[in-house]
Amino acid sequence: MADRPRMTLPTMLVLRVLLADPAERRYGLELCELTRQHSGTVYPILARLEREFGWLERRVESPAEHLPEGRRARHYYVLTEEGAVRARAALDEAERSRTVPSLRTATT
Protein backbone atom coordinates (compact mmCIF):
# COMPACT_ATOMS: atom_id res chain seq x y z
CA MET A 1 0.00 0.00 0.00
CA ALA A 2 1.28 3.47 -0.89
CA ASP A 3 1.76 6.06 1.84
CA ARG A 4 -0.15 8.69 -0.09
CA PRO A 5 -2.69 8.91 -2.91
CA ARG A 6 -1.76 9.49 -6.50
CA MET A 7 -1.76 13.26 -6.85
CA THR A 8 -4.10 13.75 -9.77
CA LEU A 9 -5.49 17.21 -10.46
CA PRO A 10 -8.90 16.33 -8.92
CA THR A 11 -7.18 14.97 -5.79
CA MET A 12 -5.13 18.13 -5.52
CA LEU A 13 -8.27 20.28 -5.89
CA VAL A 14 -10.06 18.38 -3.11
CA LEU A 15 -7.04 18.62 -0.82
CA ARG A 16 -6.64 22.35 -1.47
CA VAL A 17 -10.25 23.00 -0.44
CA LEU A 18 -9.88 20.86 2.67
CA LEU A 19 -6.59 22.54 3.59
CA ALA A 20 -8.02 26.05 3.20
CA ASP A 21 -9.51 25.51 6.67
CA PRO A 22 -8.49 22.05 7.94
CA ALA A 23 -10.85 22.14 10.93
CA GLU A 24 -13.95 22.98 8.86
CA ARG A 25 -16.34 20.15 8.10
CA ARG A 26 -17.26 19.88 4.42
CA TYR A 27 -19.91 17.69 2.89
CA GLY A 28 -19.49 15.88 -0.41
CA LEU A 29 -21.67 17.99 -2.70
CA GLU A 30 -20.14 21.14 -1.25
CA LEU A 31 -16.72 19.79 -2.23
CA CYS A 32 -18.06 19.02 -5.72
CA GLU A 33 -19.22 22.61 -6.09
CA LEU A 34 -16.02 24.14 -4.70
CA THR A 35 -13.73 22.00 -6.85
CA ARG A 36 -16.04 22.02 -9.91
CA GLN A 37 -15.67 18.24 -10.11
CA HIS A 38 -18.42 15.66 -10.56
CA SER A 39 -19.57 13.55 -7.63
CA GLY A 40 -18.28 10.45 -9.45
CA THR A 41 -14.81 11.98 -9.15
CA VAL A 42 -14.98 13.53 -5.67
CA TYR A 43 -16.61 10.72 -3.68
CA PRO A 44 -14.04 8.05 -4.67
CA ILE A 45 -11.26 10.49 -3.70
CA LEU A 46 -12.89 11.07 -0.31
CA ALA A 47 -13.32 7.32 0.22
CA ARG A 48 -9.64 6.66 -0.54
CA LEU A 49 -8.44 9.51 1.67
CA GLU A 50 -10.55 8.17 4.52
CA ARG A 51 -10.20 4.38 4.22
CA GLU A 52 -6.84 3.79 2.58
CA PHE A 53 -4.81 6.66 3.99
CA GLY A 54 -6.62 7.75 7.16
CA TRP A 55 -6.32 11.43 6.21
CA LEU A 56 -10.03 12.14 6.73
CA GLU A 57 -12.67 11.53 9.34
CA ARG A 58 -16.26 11.20 8.20
CA ARG A 59 -19.30 11.97 10.30
CA VAL A 60 -22.92 11.49 9.32
CA GLU A 61 -25.19 14.19 10.69
CA SER A 62 -27.91 13.19 13.11
CA PRO A 63 -31.62 13.16 12.24
CA ALA A 64 -32.05 16.25 14.45
CA GLU A 65 -29.75 18.11 12.07
CA HIS A 66 -31.26 17.13 8.71
CA LEU A 67 -34.90 16.15 9.27
CA PRO A 68 -36.09 19.68 10.17
CA GLU A 69 -34.71 20.81 6.81
CA GLY A 70 -36.47 17.96 5.00
CA ARG A 71 -33.34 16.49 3.44
CA ARG A 72 -31.19 13.40 3.67
CA ALA A 73 -28.30 13.14 6.09
CA ARG A 74 -25.04 14.68 4.93
CA HIS A 75 -21.69 13.01 5.34
CA TYR A 76 -19.19 15.56 6.60
CA TYR A 77 -15.46 15.20 6.05
CA VAL A 78 -12.62 16.84 7.95
CA LEU A 79 -8.88 16.29 7.74
CA THR A 80 -7.25 14.56 10.67
CA GLU A 81 -4.30 16.37 12.20
CA GLU A 82 -1.88 13.92 10.59
CA GLY A 83 -3.89 14.00 7.37
CA ALA A 84 -3.47 17.78 7.14
CA VAL A 85 0.30 17.46 7.60
CA ARG A 86 0.58 14.70 5.01
CA ALA A 87 -1.76 16.45 2.56
CA ARG A 88 0.30 19.66 2.72
CA ALA A 89 3.52 17.71 2.13
CA ALA A 90 2.01 15.74 -0.76
CA LEU A 91 0.64 18.91 -2.39
CA ASP A 92 3.94 20.73 -1.97
CA GLU A 93 5.83 17.85 -3.55
CA ALA A 94 3.34 17.50 -6.41
CA GLU A 95 3.44 21.23 -7.15
CA ARG A 96 7.26 21.30 -7.07
CA SER A 97 7.44 18.39 -9.48
CA ARG A 98 5.04 20.15 -11.89
CA THR A 99 7.14 23.32 -11.98
CA VAL A 100 10.56 21.72 -12.38
CA PRO A 101 11.45 21.65 -16.07
CA SER A 102 12.21 18.21 -17.35
CA LEU A 103 15.76 17.55 -18.45
CA ARG A 104 16.15 16.42 -22.02
CA THR A 105 19.26 15.14 -23.62
CA ALA A 106 20.36 16.66 -26.86
CA THR A 107 19.94 14.37 -29.85
CA THR A 108 22.18 14.58 -32.86
C-alpha atoms as a PDB file:
ATOM      1  CA  MET A   1       0.000   0.000   0.000  1.00  0.00           C
ATOM      2  CA  ALA A   2       1.281   3.470  -0.886  1.00  0.00           C
ATOM      3  CA  ASP A   3       1.760   6.055   1.844  1.00  0.00           C
ATOM      4  CA  ARG A   4      -0.150   8.692  -0.095  1.00  0.00           C
ATOM      5  CA  PRO A   5      -2.686   8.907  -2.906  1.00  0.00           C
ATOM      6  CA  ARG A   6      -1.762   9.494  -6.501  1.00  0.00           C
ATOM      7  CA  MET A   7      -1.765  13.261  -6.848  1.00  0.00           C
ATOM      8  CA  THR A   8      -4.104  13.751  -9.774  1.00  0.00           C
ATOM      9  CA  LEU A   9      -5.489  17.211 -10.458  1.00  0.00           C
ATOM     10  CA  PRO A  10      -8.901  16.329  -8.921  1.00  0.00           C
ATOM     11  CA  THR A  11      -7.185  14.967  -5.787  1.00  0.00           C
ATOM     12  CA  MET A  12      -5.134  18.132  -5.525  1.00  0.00           C
ATOM     13  CA  LEU A  13      -8.272  20.281  -5.889  1.00  0.00           C
ATOM     14  CA  VAL A  14     -10.059  18.380  -3.106  1.00  0.00           C
ATOM     15  CA  LEU A  15      -7.038  18.622  -0.820  1.00  0.00           C
ATOM     16  CA  ARG A  16      -6.639  22.353  -1.467  1.00  0.00           C
ATOM     17  CA  VAL A  17     -10.246  22.998  -0.442  1.00  0.00           C
ATOM     18  CA  LEU A  18      -9.885  20.860   2.672  1.00  0.00           C
ATOM     19  CA  LEU A  19      -6.593  22.540   3.589  1.00  0.00           C
ATOM     20  CA  ALA A  20      -8.020  26.055   3.196  1.00  0.00           C
ATOM     21  CA  ASP A  21      -9.507  25.513   6.671  1.00  0.00           C
ATOM     22  CA  PRO A  22      -8.493  22.052   7.937  1.00  0.00           C
ATOM     23  CA  ALA A  23     -10.853  22.141  10.930  1.00  0.00           C
ATOM     24  CA  GLU A  24     -13.951  22.978   8.864  1.00  0.00           C
ATOM     25  CA  ARG A  25     -16.340  20.146   8.103  1.00  0.00           C
ATOM     26  CA  ARG A  26     -17.258  19.882   4.420  1.00  0.00           C
ATOM     27  CA  TYR A  27     -19.914  17.687   2.886  1.00  0.00           C
ATOM     28  CA  GLY A  28     -19.489  15.875  -0.414  1.00  0.00           C
ATOM     29  CA  LEU A  29     -21.673  17.987  -2.701  1.00  0.00           C
ATOM     30  CA  GLU A  30     -20.141  21.142  -1.249  1.00  0.00           C
ATOM     31  CA  LEU A  31     -16.719  19.790  -2.234  1.00  0.00           C
ATOM     32  CA  CYS A  32     -18.063  19.020  -5.715  1.00  0.00           C
ATOM     33  CA  GLU A  33     -19.225  22.611  -6.093  1.00  0.00           C
ATOM     34  CA  LEU A  34     -16.025  24.143  -4.704  1.00  0.00           C
ATOM     35  CA  THR A  35     -13.730  21.996  -6.853  1.00  0.00           C
ATOM     36  CA  ARG A  36     -16.035  22.016  -9.910  1.00  0.00           C
ATOM     37  CA  GLN A  37     -15.668  18.243 -10.108  1.00  0.00           C
ATOM     38  CA  HIS A  38     -18.418  15.660 -10.562  1.00  0.00           C
ATOM     39  CA  SER A  39     -19.574  13.549  -7.633  1.00  0.00           C
ATOM     40  CA  GLY A  40     -18.278  10.451  -9.445  1.00  0.00           C
ATOM     41  CA  THR A  41     -14.810  11.984  -9.145  1.00  0.00           C
ATOM     42  CA  VAL A  42     -14.976  13.535  -5.674  1.00  0.00           C
ATOM     43  CA  TYR A  43     -16.606  10.720  -3.682  1.00  0.00           C
ATOM     44  CA  PRO A  44     -14.043   8.054  -4.665  1.00  0.00           C
ATOM     45  CA  ILE A  45     -11.257  10.491  -3.697  1.00  0.00           C
ATOM     46  CA  LEU A  46     -12.890  11.072  -0.305  1.00  0.00           C
ATOM     47  CA  ALA A  47     -13.316   7.322   0.223  1.00  0.00           C
ATOM     48  CA  ARG A  48      -9.640   6.664  -0.544  1.00  0.00           C
ATOM     49  CA  LEU A  49      -8.437   9.508   1.666  1.00  0.00           C
ATOM     50  CA  GLU A  50     -10.546   8.166   4.519  1.00  0.00           C
ATOM     51  CA  ARG A  51     -10.196   4.381   4.223  1.00  0.00           C
ATOM     52  CA  GLU A  52      -6.840   3.791   2.579  1.00  0.00           C
ATOM     53  CA  PHE A  53      -4.813   6.657   3.994  1.00  0.00           C
ATOM     54  CA  GLY A  54      -6.620   7.748   7.160  1.00  0.00           C
ATOM     55  CA  TRP A  55      -6.318  11.429   6.209  1.00  0.00           C
ATOM     56  CA  LEU A  56     -10.033  12.139   6.726  1.00  0.00           C
ATOM     57  CA  GLU A  57     -12.666  11.530   9.336  1.00  0.00           C
ATOM     58  CA  ARG A  58     -16.260  11.195   8.197  1.00  0.00           C
ATOM     59  CA  ARG A  59     -19.300  11.965  10.304  1.00  0.00           C
ATOM     60  CA  VAL A  60     -22.920  11.490   9.318  1.00  0.00           C
ATOM     61  CA  GLU A  61     -25.190  14.187  10.687  1.00  0.00           C
ATOM     62  CA  SER A  62     -27.910  13.186  13.108  1.00  0.00           C
ATOM     63  CA  PRO A  63     -31.619  13.157  12.239  1.00  0.00           C
ATOM     64  CA  ALA A  64     -32.051  16.246  14.448  1.00  0.00           C
ATOM     65  CA  GLU A  65     -29.754  18.109  12.065  1.00  0.00           C
ATOM     66  CA  HIS A  66     -31.261  17.129   8.709  1.00  0.00           C
ATOM     67  CA  LEU A  67     -34.899  16.154   9.275  1.00  0.00           C
ATOM     68  CA  PRO A  68     -36.093  19.682  10.168  1.00  0.00           C
ATOM     69  CA  GLU A  69     -34.708  20.814   6.811  1.00  0.00           C
ATOM     70  CA  GLY A  70     -36.472  17.965   5.000  1.00  0.00           C
ATOM     71  CA  ARG A  71     -33.340  16.493   3.440  1.00  0.00           C
ATOM     72  CA  ARG A  72     -31.194  13.398   3.666  1.00  0.00           C
ATOM     73  CA  ALA A  73     -28.297  13.144   6.085  1.00  0.00           C
ATOM     74  CA  ARG A  74     -25.039  14.679   4.926  1.00  0.00           C
ATOM     75  CA  HIS A  75     -21.687  13.009   5.341  1.00  0.00           C
ATOM     76  CA  TYR A  76     -19.191  15.559   6.604  1.00  0.00           C
ATOM     77  CA  TYR A  77     -15.457  15.202   6.052  1.00  0.00           C
ATOM     78  CA  VAL A  78     -12.620  16.838   7.953  1.00  0.00           C
ATOM     79  CA  LEU A  79      -8.884  16.294   7.742  1.00  0.00           C
ATOM     80  CA  THR A  80      -7.251  14.558  10.673  1.00  0.00           C
ATOM     81  CA  GLU A  81      -4.297  16.369  12.199  1.00  0.00           C
ATOM     82  CA  GLU A  82      -1.882  13.924  10.595  1.00  0.00           C
ATOM     83  CA  GLY A  83      -3.895  14.003   7.368  1.00  0.00           C
ATOM     84  CA  ALA A  84      -3.471  17.778   7.137  1.00  0.00           C
ATOM     85  CA  VAL A  85       0.304  17.463   7.599  1.00  0.00           C
ATOM     86  CA  ARG A  86       0.583  14.700   5.006  1.00  0.00           C
ATOM     87  CA  ALA A  87      -1.760  16.451   2.562  1.00  0.00           C
ATOM     88  CA  ARG A  88       0.305  19.662   2.724  1.00  0.00           C
ATOM     89  CA  ALA A  89       3.524  17.711   2.131  1.00  0.00           C
ATOM     90  CA  ALA A  90       2.009  15.743  -0.764  1.00  0.00           C
ATOM     91  CA  LEU A  91       0.641  18.909  -2.392  1.00  0.00           C
ATOM     92  CA  ASP A  92       3.943  20.729  -1.973  1.00  0.00           C
ATOM     93  CA  GLU A  93       5.828  17.848  -3.552  1.00  0.00           C
ATOM     94  CA  ALA A  94       3.336  17.497  -6.412  1.00  0.00           C
ATOM     95  CA  GLU A  95       3.442  21.227  -7.149  1.00  0.00           C
ATOM     96  CA  ARG A  96       7.255  21.302  -7.070  1.00  0.00           C
ATOM     97  CA  SER A  97       7.440  18.390  -9.482  1.00  0.00           C
ATOM     98  CA  ARG A  98       5.038  20.146 -11.885  1.00  0.00           C
ATOM     99  CA  THR A  99       7.139  23.318 -11.984  1.00  0.00           C
ATOM    100  CA  VAL A 100      10.564  21.717 -12.375  1.00  0.00           C
ATOM    101  CA  PRO A 101      11.448  21.649 -16.068  1.00  0.00           C
ATOM    102  CA  SER A 102      12.214  18.206 -17.351  1.00  0.00           C
ATOM    103  CA  LEU A 103      15.756  17.554 -18.449  1.00  0.00           C
ATOM    104  CA  ARG A 104      16.146  16.416 -22.023  1.00  0.00           C
ATOM    105  CA  THR A 105      19.264  15.144 -23.616  1.00  0.00           C
ATOM    106  CA  ALA A 106      20.363  16.657 -26.860  1.00  0.00           C
ATOM    107  CA  THR A 107      19.944  14.375 -29.848  1.00  0.00           C
ATOM    108  CA  THR A 108      22.181  14.578 -32.857  1.00  0.00           C
END
